[in-house]
Amino acid sequence: MTSRPRSRASASVPEAARPNAFGHPGAGGSIGLGDLAHGVALAFTPNPRRGRLARGRRADQLVEAVYAAL
């Protein structure tokens, strides 16, 4: 599998994630993310669900904390 560079402006993973991470935001601020190079996988499903279909601030903060701990 080859890793190709991607633009953070159009990426669906938070800025804090490494360039080879992949994932997808979900309804209400949830997120799923994987990074094979660093052995990281996470999923976040907040409760209560919010009405928007974009990443939430809490999901971004969680990803930042995970990568800071590596």
N, C-alpha and C. Protein backbone atom coordinates (compact mmCIF):
# COMPACT_ATOMS: atom_id res chain seq x y z
N MET A 1 0.84 -1.17 0.00
CA MET A 1 0.00 0.00 0.00
C MET A 1 0.89 1.23 0.00
N THR A 2 0.60 2.16 -0.89
CA THR A 2 1.39 3.38 -0.95
C THR A 2 0.66 4.51 -0.25
N SER A 3 1.43 5.37 0.36
CA SER A 3 0.85 6.53 1.02
C SER A 3 1.00 7.72 0.09
N ARG A 4 -0.08 8.42 -0.14
CA ARG A 4 0.00 9.59 -0.99
C ARG A 4 -0.31 10.83 -0.17
N PRO A 5 0.36 11.92 -0.45
CA PRO A 5 0.11 13.14 0.29
C PRO A 5 -1.32 13.62 0.07
N ARG A 6 -1.87 14.26 1.05
CA ARG A 6 -3.21 14.79 0.90
C ARG A 6 -3.27 16.18 1.49
N SER A 7 -4.19 16.94 1.02
CA SER A 7 -4.36 18.30 1.50
C SER A 7 -5.17 18.29 2.77
N ARG A 8 -4.66 18.91 3.81
CA ARG A 8 -5.41 19.00 5.07
C ARG A 8 -6.69 19.81 4.91
N ALA A 9 -6.72 20.73 3.95
CA ALA A 9 -7.92 21.55 3.76
C ALA A 9 -9.12 20.69 3.37
N SER A 10 -8.86 19.58 2.67
CA SER A 10 -9.96 18.74 2.23
C SER A 10 -10.02 17.42 2.99
N ALA A 11 -9.17 17.26 3.97
CA ALA A 11 -9.11 16.00 4.70
C ALA A 11 -10.29 15.84 5.65
N SER A 12 -10.66 14.60 5.89
CA SER A 12 -11.76 14.35 6.82
C SER A 12 -11.26 13.99 8.20
N VAL A 13 -9.96 13.97 8.40
CA VAL A 13 -9.40 13.73 9.74
C VAL A 13 -8.85 15.04 10.28
N PRO A 14 -8.81 15.18 11.60
CA PRO A 14 -8.34 16.43 12.19
C PRO A 14 -6.90 16.76 11.83
N GLU A 15 -6.55 18.01 11.89
CA GLU A 15 -5.22 18.51 11.55
C GLU A 15 -4.14 17.82 12.37
N ALA A 16 -4.43 17.48 13.62
CA ALA A 16 -3.43 16.86 14.51
C ALA A 16 -3.02 15.47 14.05
N ALA A 17 -3.85 14.80 13.26
CA ALA A 17 -3.54 13.44 12.81
C ALA A 17 -2.35 13.47 11.86
N ARG A 18 -1.57 12.41 11.85
CA ARG A 18 -0.42 12.32 10.97
C ARG A 18 -0.87 12.23 9.51
N PRO A 19 -0.02 12.59 8.57
CA PRO A 19 -0.40 12.62 7.15
C PRO A 19 -0.90 11.28 6.59
N ASN A 20 -0.47 10.17 7.16
CA ASN A 20 -0.90 8.87 6.63
C ASN A 20 -2.12 8.31 7.34
N ALA A 21 -2.74 9.08 8.22
CA ALA A 21 -3.96 8.64 8.90
C ALA A 21 -5.15 8.74 7.95
N PHE A 22 -6.14 7.92 8.20
CA PHE A 22 -7.37 7.95 7.41
C PHE A 22 -8.54 7.85 8.37
N GLY A 23 -9.67 8.34 7.97
CA GLY A 23 -10.84 8.28 8.83
C GLY A 23 -12.00 9.03 8.23
N HIS A 24 -13.03 9.15 9.05
CA HIS A 24 -14.24 9.80 8.58
C HIS A 24 -15.02 10.35 9.76
N PRO A 25 -15.49 11.61 9.65
CA PRO A 25 -16.36 12.14 10.69
C PRO A 25 -17.76 11.57 10.54
N GLY A 26 -18.51 11.60 11.60
CA GLY A 26 -19.88 11.12 11.56
C GLY A 26 -20.83 12.13 12.16
N ALA A 27 -22.07 11.77 12.21
CA ALA A 27 -23.10 12.66 12.74
C ALA A 27 -22.84 12.98 14.20
N GLY A 28 -23.12 14.19 14.58
CA GLY A 28 -23.07 14.57 15.97
C GLY A 28 -21.69 14.77 16.55
N GLY A 29 -20.66 14.86 15.71
CA GLY A 29 -19.31 15.08 16.22
C GLY A 29 -18.51 13.81 16.43
N SER A 30 -19.01 12.67 15.96
CA SER A 30 -18.27 11.42 16.10
C SER A 30 -17.15 11.35 15.05
N ILE A 31 -16.21 10.44 15.28
CA ILE A 31 -15.12 10.25 14.33
C ILE A 31 -14.57 8.84 14.45
N GLY A 32 -14.11 8.30 13.34
CA GLY A 32 -13.35 7.07 13.31
C GLY A 32 -12.04 7.39 12.61
N LEU A 33 -10.93 6.87 13.13
CA LEU A 33 -9.62 7.22 12.58
C LEU A 33 -8.68 6.04 12.72
N GLY A 34 -7.86 5.83 11.72
CA GLY A 34 -6.84 4.79 11.77
C GLY A 34 -5.52 5.32 11.23
N ASP A 35 -4.43 4.84 11.80
CA ASP A 35 -3.09 5.22 11.36
C ASP A 35 -2.22 3.98 11.47
N LEU A 36 -2.07 3.26 10.36
CA LEU A 36 -1.32 2.01 10.37
C LEU A 36 0.14 2.20 10.72
N ALA A 37 0.74 3.29 10.27
CA ALA A 37 2.16 3.53 10.52
C ALA A 37 2.48 3.70 12.00
N HIS A 38 1.52 4.22 12.76
CA HIS A 38 1.75 4.45 14.18
C HIS A 38 0.97 3.48 15.07
N GLY A 39 0.25 2.54 14.48
CA GLY A 39 -0.50 1.57 15.26
C GLY A 39 -1.62 2.18 16.08
N VAL A 40 -2.27 3.18 15.52
CA VAL A 40 -3.33 3.90 16.23
C VAL A 40 -4.67 3.68 15.54
N ALA A 41 -5.67 3.38 16.31
CA ALA A 41 -7.04 3.34 15.83
C ALA A 41 -7.92 3.89 16.94
N LEU A 42 -8.87 4.72 16.58
CA LEU A 42 -9.78 5.24 17.60
C LEU A 42 -11.13 5.53 16.99
N ALA A 43 -12.11 5.47 17.83
CA ALA A 43 -13.46 5.85 17.47
C ALA A 43 -14.03 6.63 18.64
N PHE A 44 -14.76 7.68 18.34
CA PHE A 44 -15.36 8.52 19.36
C PHE A 44 -16.81 8.76 18.98
N THR A 45 -17.70 8.42 19.87
CA THR A 45 -19.13 8.65 19.66
C THR A 45 -19.66 9.42 20.86
N PRO A 46 -19.87 10.72 20.72
CA PRO A 46 -20.33 11.51 21.85
C PRO A 46 -21.80 11.27 22.16
N ASN A 47 -22.14 11.55 23.38
CA ASN A 47 -23.53 11.46 23.82
C ASN A 47 -23.79 12.68 24.67
N PRO A 48 -24.72 13.52 24.42
CA PRO A 48 -25.81 13.36 23.46
C PRO A 48 -25.40 13.75 22.05
N ARG A 49 -26.16 13.25 21.11
CA ARG A 49 -25.89 13.55 19.70
C ARG A 49 -26.31 14.97 19.38
N ARG A 50 -25.45 15.67 18.69
CA ARG A 50 -25.75 17.02 18.23
C ARG A 50 -26.29 16.93 16.81
N GLY A 51 -26.91 17.95 16.33
CA GLY A 51 -27.60 17.91 15.05
C GLY A 51 -26.75 18.09 13.82
N ARG A 52 -25.47 18.35 13.96
CA ARG A 52 -24.65 18.62 12.77
C ARG A 52 -23.96 17.36 12.25
N LEU A 53 -23.52 17.44 11.02
CA LEU A 53 -22.87 16.29 10.38
C LEU A 53 -21.39 16.56 10.14
N ALA A 54 -20.75 17.25 11.02
CA ALA A 54 -19.34 17.58 10.86
C ALA A 54 -18.58 17.17 12.12
N ARG A 55 -17.25 17.15 12.02
CA ARG A 55 -16.42 16.84 13.18
C ARG A 55 -16.72 17.81 14.30
N GLY A 56 -16.60 17.31 15.51
CA GLY A 56 -16.79 18.17 16.67
C GLY A 56 -15.47 18.56 17.29
N ARG A 57 -15.50 19.61 18.07
CA ARG A 57 -14.30 20.10 18.75
C ARG A 57 -13.75 19.04 19.69
N ARG A 58 -14.61 18.31 20.38
CA ARG A 58 -14.14 17.28 21.31
C ARG A 58 -13.41 16.17 20.58
N ALA A 59 -13.88 15.79 19.41
CA ALA A 59 -13.19 14.75 18.62
C ALA A 59 -11.80 15.23 18.22
N ASP A 60 -11.70 16.47 17.78
CA ASP A 60 -10.39 17.02 17.41
C ASP A 60 -9.44 17.03 18.61
N GLN A 61 -9.95 17.41 19.78
CA GLN A 61 -9.12 17.43 20.99
C GLN A 61 -8.67 16.03 21.38
N LEU A 62 -9.52 15.04 21.19
CA LEU A 62 -9.16 13.66 21.48
C LEU A 62 -8.02 13.19 20.57
N VAL A 63 -8.12 13.49 19.29
CA VAL A 63 -7.08 13.11 18.34
C VAL A 63 -5.77 13.81 18.70
N GLU A 64 -5.84 15.09 19.04
CA GLU A 64 -4.63 15.82 19.46
C GLU A 64 -3.98 15.15 20.66
N ALA A 65 -4.78 14.75 21.65
CA ALA A 65 -4.25 14.12 22.87
C ALA A 65 -3.62 12.76 22.56
N VAL A 66 -4.24 11.99 21.68
CA VAL A 66 -3.69 10.67 21.32
C VAL A 66 -2.33 10.84 20.65
N TYR A 67 -2.22 11.74 19.69
CA TYR A 67 -0.94 11.93 19.01
C TYR A 67 0.11 12.57 19.91
N ALA A 68 -0.29 13.38 20.86
CA ALA A 68 0.65 13.98 21.80
C ALA A 68 1.23 12.90 22.72
N ALA A 69 0.47 11.84 22.95
CA ALA A 69 0.91 10.77 23.85
C ALA A 69 1.85 9.77 23.17
N LEU A 70 1.96 9.81 21.85
CA LEU A 70 2.83 8.86 21.14
C LEU A 70 4.29 9.18 21.36
